[in-house]
């Protein structure tokens, strides 16, 4: 029979009530906590027993002080003196139990005092500000990327990072809402002099399991997208992620053993240590991946995934001898093309005068499903009046931009010095034939 097992999730600092209920249920099944970390709990099997548990936090503790600091030792003595037996400890937690129903919580063990300690660690000023700021910045980044989905869905790195960013954003939002509700409920209980509201253990456990499942799906999706980019991208992503975790744990353990005990100084040392080591080791890690797996293909301006492809900065010559900047988007998803086409013509009104012109009648009837637009740009002279519509047709243009679109393709042609009817007919004919050279 299995004598030990690991549970690959744990409870947040403000979920002590649910943690205690969970440990009591596990004790009735014959499983007793041996160790608790940031994301895993280790249990050992013994004779089932009815116990009362107290999952407590040491006053003034942090993740850098460790489970066996001087403050933690003093707190254990205080709890044992009150009649509680020590079970185990973790990064933050000190776990005690008792089989005597008459043993009470006192001093720093009381629910009200523990709530204040939990609040100082989980719902402090930095958490109140940083969560909303990070969520807003994440949403703004996602919104900005979605303005040009042709680029985003064609870039393997962006396609990899945006789902991850969305998952993190949702996680932060849910956590902030739950923390806010927890803080309000317990604060009101203190003011009204009533017991703290009990947490629903089954709901908590069910929620955590769903979150783990979603995290696993998100991680697999990110890895799949990294792999679809290149083997080097996958190796670089994995090695860099592992290296960051290892560096963080190494610096944390170093400060636990050698820190001066001042929370502010220890956190500053932690941030500097992790930052410096990451700046040194991650580039070395990527260099090693390049050496063993080969360098990336030369940057030709073309990006491609199963969702879309994008190529820019391709300069060609028209039949009339004019240079043409070619930008091409393709996608099997028509929404990507339709949304991307709204980014054109480019808005250059801050520096240039621009106007969308009517297509010449000599162009004839366009092929079915094809849309063509023509925009002209003129350099704006300081202090001069905006160029009139008549002059847009008569004066020599700085740039003509022709946009050709159907359901699955978007081609943007930039003609330096303007274009003529022959150039436009050639562009439409080539687009209709499906040729993008």
Protein backbone atom coordinates (compact mmCIF):
# COMPACT_ATOMS: atom_id res chain seq x y z
CA UNK A 1 0.00 0.00 0.00
CA UNK A 2 1.21 3.47 -0.87
CA UNK A 3 2.75 5.13 2.21
CA UNK A 4 3.40 8.60 0.82
CA UNK A 5 1.74 10.85 -1.73
CA UNK A 6 2.02 14.35 -3.11
CA UNK A 7 -0.79 16.76 -3.85
CA UNK A 8 0.30 19.11 -6.64
CA UNK A 9 -1.48 22.19 -5.37
CA UNK A 10 -1.73 24.00 -2.07
CA UNK A 11 -3.64 26.77 -0.30
CA UNK A 12 -3.09 30.49 -0.46
CA UNK A 13 -2.02 32.41 2.64
CA UNK A 14 -5.54 33.78 3.11
CA UNK A 15 -7.14 30.32 2.89
CA UNK A 16 -6.01 29.07 6.31
CA UNK A 17 -9.57 28.08 7.28
CA UNK A 18 -9.97 25.84 4.22
CA UNK A 19 -6.44 24.47 4.74
CA UNK A 20 -7.31 23.42 8.30
CA UNK A 21 -10.53 21.75 7.17
CA UNK A 22 -8.63 19.88 4.46
CA UNK A 23 -5.95 18.61 6.88
CA UNK A 24 -8.65 17.42 9.30
CA UNK A 25 -10.39 15.47 6.53
CA UNK A 26 -7.10 13.94 5.39
CA UNK A 27 -6.28 12.91 9.00
CA UNK A 28 -9.58 11.03 9.21
CA UNK A 29 -8.49 9.13 6.07
CA UNK A 30 -5.07 8.33 7.57
CA UNK A 31 -3.01 10.93 5.70
CA UNK A 32 -0.89 13.42 7.62
CA UNK A 33 1.00 16.41 6.31
CA UNK A 34 4.78 15.98 6.15
CA UNK A 35 5.74 19.08 4.21
CA UNK A 36 4.05 21.98 2.41
CA UNK A 37 5.69 24.10 -0.29
CA UNK A 38 4.58 26.81 -2.66
CA UNK A 39 2.73 24.44 -4.98
CA UNK A 40 2.86 20.93 -3.48
CA UNK A 41 1.87 19.16 -0.27
CA UNK A 42 3.49 15.90 0.83
CA UNK A 43 1.55 13.45 3.03
CA UNK A 44 2.48 10.22 4.83
CA UNK A 45 0.14 7.39 5.81
CA UNK A 46 -0.55 6.48 9.47
CA UNK A 47 -3.42 5.36 11.66
CA UNK A 48 -6.52 7.54 11.03
CA UNK A 49 -7.13 10.01 13.80
CA UNK A 50 -9.52 12.83 14.62
CA UNK A 51 -7.52 16.01 14.97
CA UNK A 52 -7.94 19.75 15.17
CA UNK A 53 -5.49 21.61 13.00
CA UNK A 54 -4.17 25.17 13.12
CA UNK A 55 -2.48 26.47 9.95
CA UNK A 56 -0.66 29.54 11.21
CA UNK A 57 1.64 32.28 9.92
CA UNK A 58 4.57 33.68 11.87
CA UNK A 59 4.21 37.41 12.64
CA UNK A 60 6.60 39.48 10.50
CA UNK A 61 7.52 36.54 8.26
CA UNK A 62 8.17 36.51 4.51
CA UNK A 63 9.25 33.96 1.91
CA UNK A 64 12.87 35.05 2.47
CA UNK A 65 12.92 34.39 6.23
CA UNK A 66 12.22 30.67 5.80
CA UNK A 67 10.34 28.17 7.94
CA UNK A 68 13.05 27.79 10.58
CA UNK A 69 13.99 31.37 11.36
CA UNK A 70 14.46 32.65 14.91
CA UNK A 71 10.96 34.19 14.83
CA UNK A 72 9.52 30.86 13.71
CA UNK A 73 11.26 29.03 16.59
CA UNK A 74 9.87 31.48 19.13
CA UNK A 75 6.39 31.18 17.65
CA UNK A 76 6.51 27.37 17.83
CA UNK A 77 7.45 27.53 21.50
CA UNK A 78 4.51 29.87 22.14
CA UNK A 79 2.09 27.49 20.38
CA UNK A 80 3.44 24.37 22.09
CA UNK A 81 3.17 26.13 25.42
CA UNK A 82 -0.52 26.70 24.66
CA UNK A 83 -1.01 22.93 24.22
CA UNK A 84 -0.59 22.51 20.43
CA UNK A 85 1.67 19.87 18.90
CA UNK A 86 3.94 20.83 16.02
CA UNK A 87 3.22 18.92 12.76
CA UNK A 88 5.47 20.50 10.12
CA UNK A 89 6.37 23.81 8.49
CA UNK A 90 6.61 25.30 5.02
CA UNK A 91 7.74 28.49 3.33
CA UNK A 92 5.18 30.48 5.31
CA UNK A 93 3.08 27.95 7.17
CA UNK A 94 3.54 26.57 10.69
CA UNK A 95 1.18 23.59 11.07
CA UNK A 96 0.00 22.51 14.54
CA UNK A 97 -2.59 20.00 15.72
CA UNK A 98 -4.32 18.83 18.86
CA UNK A 99 -6.56 15.92 19.80
CA UNK A 100 -7.90 17.85 22.77
CA UNK A 101 -11.03 19.84 21.89
CA UNK A 102 -10.54 22.12 24.92
CA UNK A 103 -7.21 23.56 23.70
CA UNK A 104 -7.69 27.14 22.55
CA UNK A 105 -5.95 29.55 20.24
CA UNK A 106 -4.40 32.52 22.01
CA UNK A 107 -1.93 35.33 21.41
CA UNK A 108 -0.75 35.45 17.81
CA UNK A 109 -2.67 32.21 17.16
CA UNK A 110 -6.14 33.78 17.36
CA UNK A 111 -8.22 34.10 14.21
CA UNK A 112 -8.27 37.89 14.39
CA UNK A 113 -4.50 38.15 14.82
CA UNK A 114 -3.84 35.59 12.05
CA UNK A 115 -6.19 37.51 9.74
CA UNK A 116 -4.11 40.66 10.24
CA UNK A 117 -0.89 38.72 9.48
CA UNK A 118 -2.47 37.17 6.36
CA UNK A 119 -3.71 40.59 5.29
CA UNK A 120 -0.25 42.13 5.73
CA UNK A 121 1.21 39.48 3.41
CA UNK A 122 -1.60 39.09 0.86
CA UNK A 123 -3.58 42.36 0.80
CA UNK A 124 -0.98 45.04 1.43
CA UNK A 125 -0.62 48.34 -0.41
CA UNK A 126 1.56 46.93 -3.18
CA UNK A 127 -0.95 44.14 -3.90
CA UNK A 128 -3.87 46.58 -4.05
CA UNK A 129 -2.05 48.71 -6.63
CA UNK A 130 0.03 46.19 -8.58
CA UNK A 131 -2.80 43.77 -9.43
CA UNK A 132 -5.00 46.38 -11.18
CA UNK A 133 -2.00 48.03 -12.87
CA UNK A 134 -0.71 44.71 -14.22
CA UNK A 135 -4.17 43.68 -15.41
CA UNK A 136 -4.69 47.00 -17.22
CA UNK A 137 -1.24 46.80 -18.84
CA UNK A 138 -1.89 43.21 -19.91
CA UNK A 139 -5.27 44.05 -21.42
CA UNK A 140 -3.79 47.07 -23.19
CA UNK A 141 -1.04 44.89 -24.66
CA UNK A 142 -3.57 42.30 -25.84
CA UNK A 143 -5.80 45.00 -27.32
CA UNK A 144 -2.86 46.57 -29.15
CA UNK A 145 -1.82 43.23 -30.62
CA UNK A 146 -5.34 42.46 -31.78
CA UNK A 147 -5.50 45.70 -33.76
CA UNK A 148 -3.29 44.00 -36.34
CA UNK A 149 -4.13 40.28 -36.06
CA UNK A 150 -2.35 39.60 -39.34
CA UNK A 151 0.98 40.29 -37.65
CA UNK A 152 0.08 38.69 -34.34
CA UNK A 153 -1.21 35.39 -35.73
CA UNK A 154 1.72 35.15 -38.16
CA UNK A 155 4.38 35.65 -35.48
CA UNK A 156 5.05 32.42 -33.53
CA UNK A 157 6.51 34.31 -30.56
CA UNK A 158 3.54 36.70 -30.29
CA UNK A 159 1.14 33.79 -30.77
CA UNK A 160 2.92 32.00 -27.93
CA UNK A 161 3.04 34.92 -25.51
CA UNK A 162 -0.45 36.35 -25.98
CA UNK A 163 -2.40 33.27 -24.73
CA UNK A 164 0.00 33.13 -21.80
CA UNK A 165 -0.58 36.81 -21.12
CA UNK A 166 -4.35 36.30 -21.32
CA UNK A 167 -4.18 33.41 -18.84
CA UNK A 168 -2.10 35.43 -16.42
CA UNK A 169 -4.46 38.39 -16.77
CA UNK A 170 -7.51 36.24 -15.95
CA UNK A 171 -5.67 34.67 -13.02
CA UNK A 172 -4.73 38.07 -11.57
CA UNK A 173 -8.28 39.37 -11.98
CA UNK A 174 -9.85 36.36 -10.25
CA UNK A 175 -7.27 36.45 -7.45
CA UNK A 176 -7.83 40.17 -6.87
CA UNK A 177 -11.62 39.71 -6.71
CA UNK A 178 -11.32 36.79 -4.27
CA UNK A 179 -8.87 38.70 -2.07
CA UNK A 180 -11.14 41.73 -2.01
CA UNK A 181 -14.14 39.62 -1.03
CA UNK A 182 -12.15 37.78 1.67
CA UNK A 183 -10.84 41.02 3.16
CA UNK A 184 -14.27 42.70 3.22
CA UNK A 185 -15.99 39.68 4.78
CA UNK A 186 -13.47 39.27 7.60
CA UNK A 187 -13.15 43.02 8.25
CA UNK A 188 -16.92 43.32 8.64
CA UNK A 189 -16.92 40.31 10.99
CA UNK A 190 -14.36 42.01 13.24
CA UNK A 191 -16.32 45.29 13.28
CA UNK A 192 -19.60 43.53 14.08
CA UNK A 193 -18.01 41.21 16.65
CA UNK A 194 -19.21 38.00 14.97
CA UNK A 195 -17.23 34.86 13.97
CA UNK A 196 -15.34 34.89 10.70
CA UNK A 197 -17.25 33.37 7.75
CA UNK A 198 -16.34 29.73 7.10
CA UNK A 199 -14.86 28.75 3.76
CA UNK A 200 -16.52 26.07 1.65
CA UNK A 201 -13.81 23.41 1.38
CA UNK A 202 -15.37 21.43 -1.46
CA UNK A 203 -15.80 24.54 -3.57
CA UNK A 204 -12.21 25.60 -2.89
CA UNK A 205 -10.78 22.20 -3.83
CA UNK A 206 -12.93 21.97 -6.97
CA UNK A 207 -11.85 25.47 -8.04
CA UNK A 208 -8.17 24.66 -7.55
CA UNK A 209 -8.42 21.48 -9.61
CA UNK A 210 -10.08 23.37 -12.47
CA UNK A 211 -7.36 26.03 -12.32
CA UNK A 212 -4.66 23.34 -12.50
CA UNK A 213 -6.35 21.80 -15.54
CA UNK A 214 -6.55 25.18 -17.28
CA UNK A 215 -2.90 25.89 -16.43
CA UNK A 216 -1.85 22.56 -17.92
CA UNK A 217 -3.80 23.24 -21.12
CA UNK A 218 -2.29 26.72 -21.37
CA UNK A 219 1.25 25.43 -20.84
CA UNK A 220 0.80 22.70 -23.44
CA UNK A 221 -0.59 25.23 -25.91
CA UNK A 222 2.37 27.56 -25.36
CA UNK A 223 4.84 24.70 -25.78
CA UNK A 224 3.08 23.54 -28.94
CA UNK A 225 3.26 27.04 -30.41
CA UNK A 226 6.93 27.32 -29.45
CA UNK A 227 7.62 23.97 -31.08
CA UNK A 228 5.77 25.00 -34.23
CA UNK A 229 8.10 27.99 -34.46
CA UNK A 230 11.36 26.03 -34.28
CA UNK A 231 13.13 23.50 -32.13
CA UNK A 232 15.52 26.22 -31.02
CA UNK A 233 12.61 28.42 -29.87
CA UNK A 234 11.19 25.52 -27.85
CA UNK A 235 14.56 24.71 -26.28
CA UNK A 236 15.26 28.37 -25.54
CA UNK A 237 11.84 28.88 -23.95
CA UNK A 238 12.13 25.77 -21.78
CA UNK A 239 15.74 26.39 -20.70
CA UNK A 240 15.14 30.06 -19.91
CA UNK A 241 12.03 29.25 -17.84
CA UNK A 242 13.82 26.52 -15.88
CA UNK A 243 16.83 28.77 -15.36
CA UNK A 244 14.69 31.60 -13.93
CA UNK A 245 13.06 29.21 -11.45
CA UNK A 246 16.42 27.73 -10.40
CA UNK A 247 17.98 31.18 -9.97
CA UNK A 248 15.01 32.39 -7.89
CA UNK A 249 15.21 29.37 -5.57
CA UNK A 250 19.00 29.62 -5.29
CA UNK A 251 18.97 33.31 -4.32
CA UNK A 252 16.08 32.75 -1.90
CA UNK A 253 17.92 29.93 -0.09
CA UNK A 254 21.11 32.01 -0.04
CA UNK A 255 19.31 34.89 1.67
CA UNK A 256 17.57 32.57 4.12
CA UNK A 257 20.94 31.36 5.32
CA UNK A 258 22.92 34.60 5.05
CA UNK A 259 20.39 37.47 5.08
CA UNK A 260 20.45 40.12 7.82
CA UNK A 261 16.79 39.57 8.75
CA UNK A 262 15.64 43.01 7.60
CA UNK A 263 12.73 42.43 5.20
CA UNK A 264 13.44 45.52 3.06
CA UNK A 265 17.16 44.78 2.67
CA UNK A 266 16.54 41.09 1.96
CA UNK A 267 13.97 41.84 -0.75
CA UNK A 268 16.26 44.37 -2.40
CA UNK A 269 19.11 41.86 -2.33
CA UNK A 270 16.77 39.21 -3.77
CA UNK A 271 15.65 41.43 -6.66
CA UNK A 272 19.22 42.49 -7.50
CA UNK A 273 20.57 38.95 -7.22
CA UNK A 274 17.91 37.39 -9.44
CA UNK A 275 18.15 40.22 -11.99
CA UNK A 276 21.96 40.07 -12.29
CA UNK A 277 22.12 36.28 -12.55
CA UNK A 278 19.33 36.22 -15.17
CA UNK A 279 21.09 38.88 -17.27
CA UNK A 280 24.30 36.80 -17.19
CA UNK A 281 23.01 33.24 -17.49
CA UNK A 282 20.01 33.52 -19.85
CA UNK A 283 22.07 34.92 -22.78
CA UNK A 284 24.62 32.13 -22.17
CA UNK A 285 21.75 29.62 -22.19
CA UNK A 286 20.44 30.95 -25.51
CA UNK A 287 23.97 30.93 -26.96
CA UNK A 288 24.33 27.27 -25.98
CA UNK A 289 20.98 26.46 -27.61
CA UNK A 290 22.13 28.21 -30.79
CA UNK A 291 25.44 26.32 -30.76
CA UNK A 292 23.91 22.86 -30.36
CA UNK A 293 20.67 23.30 -32.31
CA UNK A 294 21.82 25.73 -34.96
CA UNK A 295 21.09 29.39 -35.50
CA UNK A 296 17.70 30.67 -36.58
CA UNK A 297 17.03 31.18 -40.24
CA UNK A 298 18.03 34.61 -41.58
CA UNK A 299 15.42 37.28 -40.99
CA UNK A 300 13.77 37.79 -44.36
CA UNK A 301 10.83 39.75 -42.98
CA UNK A 302 8.52 36.75 -43.41
CA UNK A 303 6.69 35.12 -40.52
CA UNK A 304 4.39 32.14 -40.77
CA UNK A 305 2.12 29.97 -38.63
CA UNK A 306 -0.84 27.73 -39.42
CA UNK A 307 -3.12 30.72 -38.80
CA UNK A 308 -1.51 33.38 -40.98
CA UNK A 309 1.61 34.52 -42.82
CA UNK A 310 3.09 37.99 -43.03
CA UNK A 311 5.89 39.42 -45.14
CA UNK A 312 7.07 43.01 -45.14
CA UNK A 313 10.03 45.12 -46.26
CA UNK A 314 10.10 43.39 -49.64
CA UNK A 315 11.17 46.04 -52.19
CA UNK A 316 10.53 45.23 -55.85
CA UNK A 317 10.51 47.10 -59.16
CA UNK A 318 7.36 47.78 -61.16
CA UNK A 319 7.26 47.50 -64.95
CA UNK A 320 7.62 51.29 -65.16
CA UNK A 321 10.86 51.12 -63.18
CA UNK A 322 9.56 52.45 -59.86
CA UNK A 323 10.48 50.89 -56.51
CA UNK A 324 7.57 49.28 -54.71
CA UNK A 325 7.44 48.29 -51.04
CA UNK A 326 5.35 45.11 -50.75
CA UNK A 327 3.57 43.92 -47.60
CA UNK A 328 1.60 40.67 -47.85
CA UNK A 329 -0.80 39.06 -45.40
CA UNK A 330 -2.46 35.70 -46.01
CA UNK A 331 -4.72 33.66 -43.75
CA UNK A 332 -7.32 30.90 -44.07
CA UNK A 333 -9.37 32.86 -41.50
CA UNK A 334 -11.21 35.69 -43.24
CA UNK A 335 -11.68 37.66 -39.98
CA UNK A 336 -7.88 38.08 -39.67
CA UNK A 337 -7.69 39.64 -43.13
CA UNK A 338 -10.78 41.81 -42.61
CA UNK A 339 -9.52 43.11 -39.24
CA UNK A 340 -5.98 43.69 -40.49
CA UNK A 341 -7.23 45.64 -43.51
CA UNK A 342 -8.61 48.28 -41.12
CA UNK A 343 -4.99 49.24 -40.32
CA UNK A 344 -4.68 50.56 -43.89
CA UNK A 345 -4.26 53.10 -45.31
CA UNK A 346 -1.70 54.08 -42.71
CA UNK A 347 -2.54 57.18 -40.71
CA UNK A 348 0.27 59.64 -41.51
CA UNK A 349 -1.72 62.85 -41.01
CA UNK A 350 0.57 63.97 -38.21
CA UNK A 351 3.39 64.59 -40.71
CA UNK A 352 1.89 64.34 -44.21
CA UNK A 353 -1.24 65.36 -46.03
CA UNK A 354 -3.10 62.30 -47.24
CA UNK A 355 -6.28 61.56 -49.16
CA UNK A 356 -8.03 58.44 -50.40
CA UNK A 357 -8.52 58.86 -54.13
CA UNK A 358 -11.09 57.40 -56.49
CA UNK A 359 -9.94 54.55 -58.68
CA UNK A 360 -9.45 55.55 -62.32
CA UNK A 361 -12.32 54.52 -64.61
CA UNK A 362 -9.77 53.02 -67.03
CA UNK A 363 -9.10 50.30 -64.47
CA UNK A 364 -12.33 48.65 -65.50
CA UNK A 365 -14.42 46.19 -63.51
CA UNK A 366 -12.58 44.52 -60.64
CA UNK A 367 -12.51 40.71 -60.33
CA UNK A 368 -15.26 39.29 -58.11
CA UNK A 369 -14.41 39.39 -54.40
CA UNK A 370 -11.51 41.80 -54.90
CA UNK A 371 -11.37 45.21 -53.21
CA UNK A 372 -8.89 47.92 -54.18
CA UNK A 373 -8.25 51.29 -52.54
CA UNK A 374 -5.76 54.03 -53.39
CA UNK A 375 -4.31 56.56 -50.96
CA UNK A 376 -1.90 59.40 -51.82
CA UNK A 377 0.52 61.07 -49.40
CA UNK A 378 2.06 64.53 -49.84
CA UNK A 379 4.78 66.10 -47.71
CA UNK A 380 3.37 68.95 -45.64
CA UNK A 381 5.46 72.08 -45.73
CA UNK A 382 5.83 74.08 -42.53
CA UNK A 383 3.24 76.85 -42.26
CA UNK A 384 1.55 75.94 -45.53
CA UNK A 385 -2.13 75.23 -46.02
CA UNK A 386 -3.26 71.59 -46.42
CA UNK A 387 -3.05 70.33 -50.00
CA UNK A 388 -6.35 70.71 -51.86
CA UNK A 389 -8.10 67.74 -53.46
CA UNK A 390 -7.37 69.15 -56.93
CA UNK A 391 -3.64 69.39 -56.17
CA UNK A 392 -3.63 65.81 -54.87
CA UNK A 393 -4.30 64.75 -58.47
CA UNK A 394 -2.04 67.32 -60.14
CA UNK A 395 1.06 67.66 -57.93
CA UNK A 396 3.80 65.06 -57.81
CA UNK A 397 3.05 62.75 -54.88
CA UNK A 398 5.54 61.62 -52.25
CA UNK A 399 3.97 58.18 -51.91
CA UNK A 400 1.04 56.24 -53.36
CA UNK A 401 -0.34 53.34 -51.37
CA UNK A 402 -2.50 50.72 -53.09
CA UNK A 403 -4.38 48.18 -50.96
CA UNK A 404 -5.71 44.99 -52.54
CA UNK A 405 -7.85 42.57 -50.56
CA UNK A 406 -9.96 39.46 -50.88
CA UNK A 407 -11.17 36.96 -48.27
CA UNK A 408 -7.78 35.39 -47.58
CA UNK A 409 -5.20 37.88 -48.84
CA UNK A 410 -4.20 41.45 -48.16
CA UNK A 411 -1.47 43.12 -50.21
CA UNK A 412 -0.21 46.64 -49.52
CA UNK A 413 1.92 48.30 -52.22
CA UNK A 414 3.85 51.50 -51.47
CA UNK A 415 5.00 53.32 -54.61
CA UNK A 416 7.71 55.85 -53.85
CA UNK A 417 7.20 58.96 -55.98
CA UNK A 418 3.69 57.93 -56.99
CA UNK A 419 2.28 55.49 -59.51
CA UNK A 420 0.54 55.53 -62.88
CA UNK A 421 -2.38 53.67 -64.43
CA UNK A 422 -0.09 50.99 -65.86
CA UNK A 423 1.31 50.23 -62.41
CA UNK A 424 -2.16 49.93 -60.93
CA UNK A 425 -3.41 47.61 -63.67
CA UNK A 426 -0.33 45.45 -63.25
CA UNK A 427 -0.90 45.24 -59.48
CA UNK A 428 -4.55 44.21 -59.90
CA UNK A 429 -3.69 41.60 -62.55
CA UNK A 430 -0.94 40.04 -60.45
CA UNK A 431 -3.18 40.00 -57.36
CA UNK A 432 -6.01 38.40 -59.29
CA UNK A 433 -3.68 35.68 -60.54
CA UNK A 434 -2.61 34.95 -56.98
CA UNK A 435 0.99 35.96 -57.54
CA UNK A 436 2.72 38.01 -54.87
CA UNK A 437 6.19 38.25 -56.34
